[in-house]
PDB file of N, CA and C in Angstrom:
ATOM      1  N   MET A   1     137.662  88.955 100.939  1.00  0.00           N
ATOM      2  CA  MET A   1     136.966  89.090 102.212  1.00  0.00           C
ATOM      3  C   MET A   1     135.772  88.153 102.251  1.00  0.00           C
ATOM      4  N   GLU A   2     135.565  87.571 103.388  1.00  0.00           N
ATOM      5  CA  GLU A   2     134.411  86.704 103.558  1.00  0.00           C
ATOM      6  C   GLU A   2     133.337  87.454 104.326  1.00  0.00           C
ATOM      7  N   GLY A   3     132.105  87.051 104.143  1.00  0.00           N
ATOM      8  CA  GLY A   3     131.001  87.659 104.859  1.00  0.00           C
ATOM      9  C   GLY A   3     130.061  88.401 103.929  1.00  0.00           C
ATOM     10  N   LYS A   4     129.084  88.982 104.539  1.00  0.00           N
ATOM     11  CA  LYS A   4     128.045  89.673 103.757  1.00  0.00           C
ATOM     12  C   LYS A   4     127.816  91.070 104.313  1.00  0.00           C
ATOM     13  N   ILE A   5     127.181  91.883 103.503  1.00  0.00           N
ATOM     14  CA  ILE A   5     126.804  93.243 103.869  1.00  0.00           C
ATOM     15  C   ILE A   5     125.298  93.377 103.665  1.00  0.00           C
ATOM     16  N   LEU A   6     124.624  93.927 104.649  1.00  0.00           N
ATOM     17  CA  LEU A   6     123.199  94.209 104.542  1.00  0.00           C
ATOM     18  C   LEU A   6     123.049  95.698 104.234  1.00  0.00           C
ATOM     19  N   VAL A   7     122.497  96.003 103.075  1.00  0.00           N
ATOM     20  CA  VAL A   7     122.332  97.386 102.609  1.00  0.00           C
ATOM     21  C   VAL A   7     120.868  97.770 102.729  1.00  0.00           C
ATOM     22  N   THR A   8     120.609  98.914 103.349  1.00  0.00           N
ATOM     23  CA  THR A   8     119.254  99.455 103.424  1.00  0.00           C
ATOM     24  C   THR A   8     119.221 100.708 102.573  1.00  0.00           C
ATOM     25  N   TYR A   9     118.219 100.787 101.691  1.00  0.00           N
ATOM     26  CA  TYR A   9     118.111 101.934 100.798  1.00  0.00           C
ATOM     27  C   TYR A   9     116.651 102.318 100.617  1.00  0.00           C
ATOM     28  N   GLN A  10     116.451 103.496 100.011  1.00  0.00           N
ATOM     29  CA  GLN A  10     115.103 103.917  99.654  1.00  0.00           C
ATOM     30  C   GLN A  10     115.155 104.575  98.280  1.00  0.00           C
ATOM     31  N   VAL A  11     114.034 104.540  97.596  1.00  0.00           N
ATOM     32  CA  VAL A  11     113.921 105.153  96.279  1.00  0.00           C
ATOM     33  C   VAL A  11     113.479 106.602  96.462  1.00  0.00           C
ATOM     34  N   LEU A  12     114.166 107.523  95.792  1.00  0.00           N
ATOM     35  CA  LEU A  12     113.833 108.941  95.875  1.00  0.00           C
ATOM     36  C   LEU A  12     113.049 109.377  94.648  1.00  0.00           C
ATOM     37  N   CYS A  13     112.081 110.272  94.872  1.00  0.00           N
ATOM     38  CA  CYS A  13     111.254 110.804  93.793  1.00  0.00           C
ATOM     39  C   CYS A  13     111.446 112.313  93.687  1.00  0.00           C
ATOM     40  N   ASP A  14     111.165 112.850  92.509  1.00  0.00           N
ATOM     41  CA  ASP A  14     111.286 114.293  92.302  1.00  0.00           C
ATOM     42  C   ASP A  14     110.301 115.072  93.160  1.00  0.00           C
ATOM     43  N   SER A  15     109.170 114.478  93.487  1.00  0.00           N
ATOM     44  CA  SER A  15     108.125 115.172  94.244  1.00  0.00           C
ATOM     45  C   SER A  15     108.253 115.003  95.761  1.00  0.00           C
ATOM     46  N   ASP A  16     109.334 114.388  96.227  1.00  0.00           N
ATOM     47  CA  ASP A  16     109.522 114.191  97.668  1.00  0.00           C
ATOM     48  C   ASP A  16     109.649 115.532  98.388  1.00  0.00           C
ATOM     49  N   THR A  17     109.120 115.567  99.595  1.00  0.00           N
ATOM     50  CA  THR A  17     109.192 116.764 100.428  1.00  0.00           C
ATOM     51  C   THR A  17     110.275 116.577 101.479  1.00  0.00           C
ATOM     52  N   ASN A  18     111.065 117.624 101.684  1.00  0.00           N
ATOM     53  CA  ASN A  18     112.101 117.596 102.705  1.00  0.00           C
ATOM     54  C   ASN A  18     112.271 119.026 103.211  1.00  0.00           C
ATOM     55  N   ILE A  19     111.525 119.391 104.247  1.00  0.00           N
ATOM     56  CA  ILE A  19     111.531 120.745 104.789  1.00  0.00           C
ATOM     57  C   ILE A  19     112.104 120.701 106.200  1.00  0.00           C
ATOM     58  N   GLU A  20     112.978 121.653 106.503  1.00  0.00           N
ATOM     59  CA  GLU A  20     113.599 121.744 107.824  1.00  0.00           C
ATOM     60  C   GLU A  20     113.326 123.136 108.391  1.00  0.00           C
ATOM     61  N   PHE A  21     112.936 123.201 109.671  1.00  0.00           N
ATOM     62  CA  PHE A  21     112.714 124.479 110.336  1.00  0.00           C
ATOM     63  C   PHE A  21     112.955 124.301 111.822  1.00  0.00           C
ATOM     64  N   THR A  22     113.076 125.415 112.527  1.00  0.00           N
ATOM     65  CA  THR A  22     113.360 125.355 113.965  1.00  0.00           C
ATOM     66  C   THR A  22     112.070 125.445 114.764  1.00  0.00           C
ATOM     67  N   LEU A  23     112.160 125.041 116.017  1.00  0.00           N
ATOM     68  CA  LEU A  23     111.016 125.143 116.925  1.00  0.00           C
ATOM     69  C   LEU A  23     110.619 126.606 117.107  1.00  0.00           C
ATOM     70  N   LYS A  24     111.597 127.486 117.140  1.00  0.00           N
ATOM     71  CA  LYS A  24     111.324 128.914 117.287  1.00  0.00           C
ATOM     72  C   LYS A  24     110.472 129.419 116.126  1.00  0.00           C
ATOM     73  N   GLU A  25     110.816 129.020 114.897  1.00  0.00           N
ATOM     74  CA  GLU A  25     110.031 129.421 113.720  1.00  0.00           C
ATOM     75  C   GLU A  25     108.602 128.892 113.812  1.00  0.00           C
ATOM     76  N   LEU A  26     108.452 127.673 114.297  1.00  0.00           N
ATOM     77  CA  LEU A  26     107.128 127.075 114.449  1.00  0.00           C
ATOM     78  C   LEU A  26     106.279 127.863 115.441  1.00  0.00           C
ATOM     79  N   LEU A  27     106.867 128.194 116.587  1.00  0.00           N
ATOM     80  CA  LEU A  27     106.124 128.904 117.626  1.00  0.00           C
ATOM     81  C   LEU A  27     105.822 130.353 117.233  1.00  0.00           C
ATOM     82  N   GLU A  28     106.630 130.941 116.359  1.00  0.00           N
ATOM     83  CA  GLU A  28     106.393 132.312 115.914  1.00  0.00           C
ATOM     84  C   GLU A  28     105.324 132.394 114.835  1.00  0.00           C
ATOM     85  N   ASN A  29     104.985 131.269 114.228  1.00  0.00           N
ATOM     86  CA  ASN A  29     103.956 131.253 113.195  1.00  0.00           C
ATOM     87  C   ASN A  29     102.587 131.475 113.829  1.00  0.00           C
ATOM     88  N   GLU A  30     101.853 132.460 113.327  1.00  0.00           N
ATOM     89  CA  GLU A  30     100.576 132.860 113.934  1.00  0.00           C
ATOM     90  C   GLU A  30      99.540 131.731 113.916  1.00  0.00           C
ATOM     91  N   LYS A  31      99.411 131.050 112.800  1.00  0.00           N
ATOM     92  CA  LYS A  31      98.420 129.972 112.702  1.00  0.00           C
ATOM     93  C   LYS A  31      98.762 128.806 113.626  1.00  0.00           C
ATOM     94  N   THR A  32     100.041 128.456 113.683  1.00  0.00           N
ATOM     95  CA  THR A  32     100.468 127.355 114.544  1.00  0.00           C
ATOM     96  C   THR A  32     100.272 127.698 116.011  1.00  0.00           C
ATOM     97  N   SER A  33     100.684 128.906 116.407  1.00  0.00           N
ATOM     98  CA  SER A  33     100.549 129.284 117.815  1.00  0.00           C
ATOM     99  C   SER A  33      99.076 129.351 118.223  1.00  0.00           C
ATOM    100  N   LYS A  34      98.225 129.811 117.326  1.00  0.00           N
ATOM    101  CA  LYS A  34      96.795 129.860 117.612  1.00  0.00           C
ATOM    102  C   LYS A  34      96.223 128.451 117.811  1.00  0.00           C
ATOM    103  N   ALA A  35      96.649 127.520 116.958  1.00  0.00           N
ATOM    104  CA  ALA A  35      96.181 126.129 117.077  1.00  0.00           C
ATOM    105  C   ALA A  35      96.667 125.491 118.378  1.00  0.00           C
ATOM    106  N   ILE A  36      97.919 125.732 118.749  1.00  0.00           N
ATOM    107  CA  ILE A  36      98.467 125.171 119.990  1.00  0.00           C
ATOM    108  C   ILE A  36      97.734 125.745 121.199  1.00  0.00           C
ATOM    109  N   LYS A  37      97.528 127.060 121.188  1.00  0.00           N
ATOM    110  CA  LYS A  37      96.835 127.696 122.313  1.00  0.00           C
ATOM    111  C   LYS A  37      95.404 127.195 122.439  1.00  0.00           C
ATOM    112  N   SER A  38      94.700 127.059 121.334  1.00  0.00           N
ATOM    113  CA  SER A  38      93.306 126.604 121.412  1.00  0.00           C
ATOM    114  C   SER A  38      93.206 125.143 121.837  1.00  0.00           C
ATOM    115  N   GLU A  39      94.223 124.347 121.544  1.00  0.00           N
ATOM    116  CA  GLU A  39      94.197 122.935 121.926  1.00  0.00           C
ATOM    117  C   GLU A  39      94.618 122.715 123.375  1.00  0.00           C
ATOM    118  N   PHE A  40      95.638 123.426 123.841  1.00  0.00           N
ATOM    119  CA  PHE A  40      96.203 123.160 125.157  1.00  0.00           C
ATOM    120  C   PHE A  40      95.852 124.193 126.219  1.00  0.00           C
ATOM    121  N   ALA A  41      95.303 125.327 125.831  1.00  0.00           N
ATOM    122  CA  ALA A  41      94.970 126.370 126.810  1.00  0.00           C
ATOM    123  C   ALA A  41      93.601 126.959 126.482  1.00  0.00           C
ATOM    124  N   LYS A  42      92.600 126.104 126.420  1.00  0.00           N
ATOM    125  CA  LYS A  42      91.254 126.540 126.061  1.00  0.00           C
ATOM    126  C   LYS A  42      90.724 127.540 127.087  1.00  0.00           C
ATOM    127  N   GLY A  43      90.244 128.650 126.593  1.00  0.00           N
ATOM    128  CA  GLY A  43      89.629 129.660 127.452  1.00  0.00           C
ATOM    129  C   GLY A  43      90.599 130.549 128.203  1.00  0.00           C
ATOM    130  N   VAL A  44      91.887 130.335 128.050  1.00  0.00           N
ATOM    131  CA  VAL A  44      92.886 131.146 128.741  1.00  0.00           C
ATOM    132  C   VAL A  44      93.311 132.285 127.815  1.00  0.00           C
ATOM    133  N   ARG A  45      93.439 133.477 128.366  1.00  0.00           N
ATOM    134  CA  ARG A  45      93.827 134.644 127.567  1.00  0.00           C
ATOM    135  C   ARG A  45      95.187 135.167 127.986  1.00  0.00           C
ATOM    136  N   ASN A  46      95.759 135.986 127.117  1.00  0.00           N
ATOM    137  CA  ASN A  46      97.043 136.638 127.368  1.00  0.00           C
ATOM    138  C   ASN A  46      98.147 135.640 127.725  1.00  0.00           C
ATOM    139  N   ILE A  47      98.367 134.675 126.849  1.00  0.00           N
ATOM    140  CA  ILE A  47      99.432 133.696 127.080  1.00  0.00           C
ATOM    141  C   ILE A  47     100.443 133.768 125.940  1.00  0.00           C
ATOM    142  N   ASP A  48     101.662 133.388 126.228  1.00  0.00           N
ATOM    143  CA  ASP A  48     102.739 133.347 125.246  1.00  0.00           C
ATOM    144  C   ASP A  48     103.263 131.928 125.124  1.00  0.00           C
ATOM    145  N   LEU A  49     103.726 131.595 123.936  1.00  0.00           N
ATOM    146  CA  LEU A  49     104.389 130.316 123.707  1.00  0.00           C
ATOM    147  C   LEU A  49     105.884 130.549 123.711  1.00  0.00           C
ATOM    148  N   ASP A  50     106.623 129.689 124.390  1.00  0.00           N
ATOM    149  CA  ASP A  50     108.065 129.833 124.467  1.00  0.00           C
ATOM    150  C   ASP A  50     108.685 128.454 124.654  1.00  0.00           C
ATOM    151  N   SER A  51     109.967 128.356 124.388  1.00  0.00           N
ATOM    152  CA  SER A  51     110.700 127.113 124.563  1.00  0.00           C
ATOM    153  C   SER A  51     112.064 127.435 125.139  1.00  0.00           C
ATOM    154  N   ASN A  52     112.594 126.535 125.962  1.00  0.00           N
ATOM    155  CA  ASN A  52     113.923 126.755 126.514  1.00  0.00           C
ATOM    156  C   ASN A  52     115.021 126.244 125.570  1.00  0.00           C
ATOM    157  N   GLU A  53     114.637 125.554 124.534  1.00  0.00           N
ATOM    158  CA  GLU A  53     115.580 125.092 123.510  1.00  0.00           C
ATOM    159  C   GLU A  53     115.412 125.973 122.279  1.00  0.00           C
ATOM    160  N   THR A  54     116.486 126.589 121.820  1.00  0.00           N
ATOM    161  CA  THR A  54     116.363 127.524 120.700  1.00  0.00           C
ATOM    162  C   THR A  54     116.725 126.910 119.352  1.00  0.00           C
ATOM    163  N   ASP A  55     117.503 125.841 119.351  1.00  0.00           N
ATOM    164  CA  ASP A  55     117.967 125.307 118.074  1.00  0.00           C
ATOM    165  C   ASP A  55     117.411 123.921 117.750  1.00  0.00           C
ATOM    166  N   VAL A  56     116.253 123.580 118.287  1.00  0.00           N
ATOM    167  CA  VAL A  56     115.630 122.296 117.987  1.00  0.00           C
ATOM    168  C   VAL A  56     115.146 122.331 116.538  1.00  0.00           C
ATOM    169  N   LYS A  57     115.553 121.336 115.753  1.00  0.00           N
ATOM    170  CA  LYS A  57     115.170 121.274 114.344  1.00  0.00           C
ATOM    171  C   LYS A  57     114.002 120.311 114.182  1.00  0.00           C
ATOM    172  N   LEU A  58     113.055 120.707 113.359  1.00  0.00           N
ATOM    173  CA  LEU A  58     111.914 119.873 113.006  1.00  0.00           C
ATOM    174  C   LEU A  58     111.972 119.611 111.506  1.00  0.00           C
ATOM    175  N   TYR A  59     111.503 118.443 111.102  1.00  0.00           N
ATOM    176  CA  TYR A  59     111.571 118.054 109.701  1.00  0.00           C
ATOM    177  C   TYR A  59     110.206 117.579 109.230  1.00  0.00           C
ATOM    178  N   ILE A  60     109.871 117.947 108.018  1.00  0.00           N
ATOM    179  CA  ILE A  60     108.710 117.389 107.331  1.00  0.00           C
ATOM    180  C   ILE A  60     109.277 116.658 106.117  1.00  0.00           C
ATOM    181  N   LYS A  61     109.139 115.330 106.121  1.00  0.00           N
ATOM    182  CA  LYS A  61     109.712 114.511 105.054  1.00  0.00           C
ATOM    183  C   LYS A  61     108.654 113.560 104.509  1.00  0.00           C
ATOM    184  N   THR A  62     108.811 113.219 103.261  1.00  0.00           N
ATOM    185  CA  THR A  62     107.961 112.214 102.648  1.00  0.00           C
ATOM    186  C   THR A  62     108.295 110.860 103.264  1.00  0.00           C
ATOM    187  N   SER A  63     107.281 110.153 103.709  1.00  0.00           N
ATOM    188  CA  SER A  63     107.477 108.835 104.299  1.00  0.00           C
ATOM    189  C   SER A  63     107.825 107.841 103.189  1.00  0.00           C
ATOM    190  N   LYS A  64     108.902 107.111 103.385  1.00  0.00           N
ATOM    191  CA  LYS A  64     109.381 106.177 102.374  1.00  0.00           C
ATOM    192  C   LYS A  64     109.523 104.779 102.948  1.00  0.00           C
ATOM    193  N   GLU A  65     109.284 103.795 102.106  1.00  0.00           N
ATOM    194  CA  GLU A  65     109.486 102.407 102.499  1.00  0.00           C
ATOM    195  C   GLU A  65     110.958 102.064 102.288  1.00  0.00           C
ATOM    196  N   LYS A  66     111.571 101.477 103.290  1.00  0.00           N
ATOM    197  CA  LYS A  66     112.983 101.108 103.204  1.00  0.00           C
ATOM    198  C   LYS A  66     113.101  99.696 102.637  1.00  0.00           C
ATOM    199  N   GLN A  67     114.058  99.523 101.748  1.00  0.00           N
ATOM    200  CA  GLN A  67     114.325  98.240 101.111  1.00  0.00           C
ATOM    201  C   GLN A  67     115.659  97.712 101.623  1.00  0.00           C
ATOM    202  N   THR A  68     115.809  96.402 101.666  1.00  0.00           N
ATOM    203  CA  THR A  68     117.083  95.808 102.090  1.00  0.00           C
ATOM    204  C   THR A  68     117.619  94.891 101.002  1.00  0.00           C
ATOM    205  N   LEU A  69     118.920  94.765 101.007  1.00  0.00           N
ATOM    206  CA  LEU A  69     119.613  93.964 100.018  1.00  0.00           C
ATOM    207  C   LEU A  69     120.833  93.361 100.699  1.00  0.00           C
ATOM    208  N   GLU A  70     121.083  92.083 100.459  1.00  0.00           N
ATOM    209  CA  GLU A  70     122.245  91.415 101.042  1.00  0.00           C
ATOM    210  C   GLU A  70     123.240  91.116  99.925  1.00  0.00           C
ATOM    211  N   VAL A  71     124.495  91.577 100.116  1.00  0.00           N
ATOM    212  CA  VAL A  71     125.535  91.366  99.103  1.00  0.00           C
ATOM    213  C   VAL A  71     126.796  90.853  99.777  1.00  0.00           C
ATOM    214  N   GLU A  72     127.712  90.344  98.961  1.00  0.00           N
ATOM    215  CA  GLU A  72     129.002  89.882  99.469  1.00  0.00           C
ATOM    216  C   GLU A  72     129.881  91.086  99.813  1.00  0.00           C
ATOM    217  N   LYS A  73     130.774  90.921 100.790  1.00  0.00           N
ATOM    218  CA  LYS A  73     131.675  92.012 101.171  1.00  0.00           C
ATOM    219  C   LYS A  73     132.568  92.444 100.007  1.00  0.00           C
ATOM    220  N   ASP A  74     132.889  91.528  99.107  1.00  0.00           N
ATOM    221  CA  ASP A  74     133.722  91.862  97.953  1.00  0.00           C
ATOM    222  C   ASP A  74     133.059  92.891  97.041  1.00  0.00           C
ATOM    223  N   ASP A  75     131.742  93.003  97.111  1.00  0.00           N
ATOM    224  CA  ASP A  75     130.991  93.911  96.238  1.00  0.00           C
ATOM    225  C   ASP A  75     130.776  95.289  96.860  1.00  0.00           C
ATOM    226  N   PHE A  76     131.542  95.642  97.895  1.00  0.00           N
ATOM    227  CA  PHE A  76     131.346  96.910  98.601  1.00  0.00           C
ATOM    228  C   PHE A  76     131.423  98.113  97.660  1.00  0.00           C
ATOM    229  N   ALA A  77     132.354  98.114  96.748  1.00  0.00           N
ATOM    230  CA  ALA A  77     132.536  99.254  95.842  1.00  0.00           C
ATOM    231  C   ALA A  77     131.340  99.446  94.907  1.00  0.00           C
ATOM    232  N   ASP A  78     130.567  98.410  94.698  1.00  0.00           N
ATOM    233  CA  ASP A  78     129.441  98.474  93.760  1.00  0.00           C
ATOM    234  C   ASP A  78     128.082  98.534  94.460  1.00  0.00           C
ATOM    235  N   LEU A  79     128.039  98.921  95.729  1.00  0.00           N
ATOM    236  CA  LEU A  79     126.779  98.901  96.487  1.00  0.00           C
ATOM    237  C   LEU A  79     125.680  99.722  95.831  1.00  0.00           C
ATOM    238  N   LEU A  80     126.001 100.915  95.368  1.00  0.00           N
ATOM    239  CA  LEU A  80     124.985 101.772  94.762  1.00  0.00           C
ATOM    240  C   LEU A  80     124.420 101.139  93.494  1.00  0.00           C
ATOM    241  N   GLU A  81     125.294 100.616  92.654  1.00  0.00           N
ATOM    242  CA  GLU A  81     124.826  99.955  91.431  1.00  0.00           C
ATOM    243  C   GLU A  81     123.981  98.724  91.750  1.00  0.00           C
ATOM    244  N   LEU A  82     124.394  97.971  92.753  1.00  0.00           N
ATOM    245  CA  LEU A  82     123.631  96.779  93.143  1.00  0.00           C
ATOM    246  C   LEU A  82     122.263  97.157  93.709  1.00  0.00           C
ATOM    247  N   ALA A  83     122.202  98.237  94.485  1.00  0.00           N
ATOM    248  CA  ALA A  83     120.924  98.711  95.020  1.00  0.00           C
ATOM    249  C   ALA A  83     120.019  99.179  93.884  1.00  0.00           C
ATOM    250  N   GLU A  84     120.592  99.870  92.895  1.00  0.00           N
ATOM    251  CA  GLU A  84     119.804 100.309  91.732  1.00  0.00           C
ATOM    252  C   GLU A  84     119.281  99.115  90.951  1.00  0.00           C
ATOM    253  N   SER A  85     120.106  98.095  90.793  1.00  0.00           N
ATOM    254  CA  SER A  85     119.668  96.873  90.100  1.00  0.00           C
ATOM    255  C   SER A  85     118.560  96.171  90.871  1.00  0.00           C
ATOM    256  N   ASP A  86     118.699  96.140  92.197  1.00  0.00           N
ATOM    257  CA  ASP A  86     117.679  95.527  93.039  1.00  0.00           C
ATOM    258  C   ASP A  86     116.356  96.288  92.918  1.00  0.00           C
ATOM    259  N   ALA A  87     116.421  97.614  92.927  1.00  0.00           N
ATOM    260  CA  ALA A  87     115.210  98.428  92.788  1.00  0.00           C
ATOM    261  C   ALA A  87     114.568  98.206  91.425  1.00  0.00           C
ATOM    262  N   THR A  88     115.384  98.069  90.400  1.00  0.00           N
ATOM    263  CA  THR A  88     114.859  97.813  89.060  1.00  0.00           C
ATOM    264  C   THR A  88     114.176  96.452  89.006  1.00  0.00           C
ATOM    265  N   SER A  89     114.800  95.438  89.601  1.00  0.00           N
ATOM    266  CA  SER A  89     114.218  94.093  89.585  1.00  0.00           C
ATOM    267  C   SER A  89     112.922  94.019  90.394  1.00  0.00           C
ATOM    268  N   LYS A  90     112.810  94.854  91.431  1.00  0.00           N
ATOM    269  CA  LYS A  90     111.582  94.900  92.235  1.00  0.00           C
ATOM    270  C   LYS A  90     110.555  95.867  91.650  1.00  0.00           C
ATOM    271  N   LYS A  91     110.897  96.479  90.504  1.00  0.00           N
ATOM    272  CA  LYS A  91     110.033  97.443  89.805  1.00  0.00           C
ATOM    273  C   LYS A  91     109.638  98.613  90.699  1.00  0.00           C
ATOM    274  N   LEU A  92     110.623  99.146  91.432  1.00  0.00           N
ATOM    275  CA  LEU A  92     110.384 100.281  92.321  1.00  0.00           C
ATOM    276  C   LEU A  92     110.552 101.618  91.604  1.00  0.00           C
ATOM    277  N   PHE A  93     111.283 101.623  90.487  1.00  0.00           N
ATOM    278  CA  PHE A  93     111.470 102.856  89.737  1.00  0.00           C
ATOM    279  C   PHE A  93     110.208 103.161  88.942  1.00  0.00           C
ATOM    280  N   LYS A  94     109.774 104.413  89.036  1.00  0.00           N
ATOM    281  CA  LYS A  94     108.600 104.864  88.286  1.00  0.00           C
ATOM    282  C   LYS A  94     108.993 106.119  87.529  1.00  0.00           C
ATOM    283  N   LYS A  95     108.034 106.798  86.958  1.00  0.00           N
ATOM    284  CA  LYS A  95     108.298 107.960  86.110  1.00  0.00           C
ATOM    285  C   LYS A  95     109.190 108.998  86.792  1.00  0.00           C
ATOM    286  N   ASP A  96     108.813 109.481  87.973  1.00  0.00           N
ATOM    287  CA  ASP A  96     109.572 110.516  88.666  1.00  0.00           C
ATOM    288  C   ASP A  96     110.399 109.961  89.823  1.00  0.00           C
ATOM    289  N   CYS A  97     110.487 108.655  89.935  1.00  0.00           N
ATOM    290  CA  CYS A  97     111.227 108.019  91.037  1.00  0.00           C
ATOM    291  C   CYS A  97     112.343 107.167  90.442  1.00  0.00           C
ATOM    292  N   SER A  98     113.513 107.778  90.275  1.00  0.00           N
ATOM    293  CA  SER A  98     114.576 107.057  89.583  1.00  0.00           C
ATOM    294  C   SER A  98     115.934 107.164  90.274  1.00  0.00           C
ATOM    295  N   ARG A  99     115.936 107.554  91.549  1.00  0.00           N
ATOM    296  CA  ARG A  99     117.196 107.686  92.280  1.00  0.00           C
ATOM    297  C   ARG A  99     117.165 106.827  93.538  1.00  0.00           C
ATOM    298  N   ILE A 100     118.353 106.495  94.031  1.00  0.00           N
ATOM    299  CA  ILE A 100     118.511 105.649  95.219  1.00  0.00           C
ATOM    300  C   ILE A 100     119.266 106.440  96.283  1.00  0.00           C
ATOM    301  N   GLU A 101     118.842 106.282  97.544  1.00  0.00           N
ATOM    302  CA  GLU A 101     119.590 106.822  98.671  1.00  0.00           C
ATOM    303  C   GLU A 101     119.968 105.641  99.565  1.00  0.00           C
ATOM    304  N   LEU A 102     121.270 105.477  99.795  1.00  0.00           N
ATOM    305  CA  LEU A 102     121.724 104.448 100.723  1.00  0.00           C
ATOM    306  C   LEU A 102     121.541 104.970 102.137  1.00  0.00           C
ATOM    307  N   ILE A 103     120.835 104.219 102.966  1.00  0.00           N
ATOM    308  CA  ILE A 103     120.530 104.653 104.325  1.00  0.00           C
ATOM    309  C   ILE A 103     121.468 104.020 105.332  1.00  0.00           C
ATOM    310  N   ASP A 104     121.719 102.732 105.179  1.00  0.00           N
ATOM    311  CA  ASP A 104     122.548 102.023 106.166  1.00  0.00           C
ATOM    312  C   ASP A 104     123.322 100.912 105.472  1.00  0.00           C
ATOM    313  N   ILE A 105     124.550 100.710 105.924  1.00  0.00           N
ATOM    314  CA  ILE A 105     125.387  99.626 105.435  1.00  0.00           C
ATOM    315  C   ILE A 105     125.901  98.898 106.678  1.00  0.00           C
ATOM    316  N   GLU A 106     125.551  97.621 106.794  1.00  0.00           N
ATOM    317  CA  GLU A 106     125.867  96.854 108.003  1.00  0.00           C
ATOM    318  C   GLU A 106     126.513  95.523 107.615  1.00  0.00           C
ATOM    319  N   THR A 107     127.617  95.191 108.254  1.00  0.00           N
ATOM    320  CA  THR A 107     128.243  93.901 108.009  1.00  0.00           C
ATOM    321  C   THR A 107     127.574  92.844 108.861  1.00  0.00           C
ATOM    322  N   ILE A 108     127.391  91.674 108.254  1.00  0.00           N
ATOM    323  CA  ILE A 108     126.755  90.566 108.996  1.00  0.00           C
ATOM    324  C   ILE A 108     127.597  89.313 108.858  1.00  0.00           C
TER     325      ILE A 108
END
């Protein structure tokens, strides 16, 4: 096969945060609802927070820098190994950061 593949990846660490919760859970939290009410409804009493969407998911994730790598299409089967080698050559691996997550694979 001729052509190239553009691989986007990020390095994962053991201390990364990845929390998922719903909008309903957020609005039911006493501290959060108090903060929202004091910010958007100052001086107003006897109010409720509600949403018309019940299954909206919210995420708290560790912000990561995305890395890119360009490889030949023939090397498709070895993308993960090539990304790991690229991260090693860029000295991105540290004590607790030794895994790779492939984010996007695009043919160019």
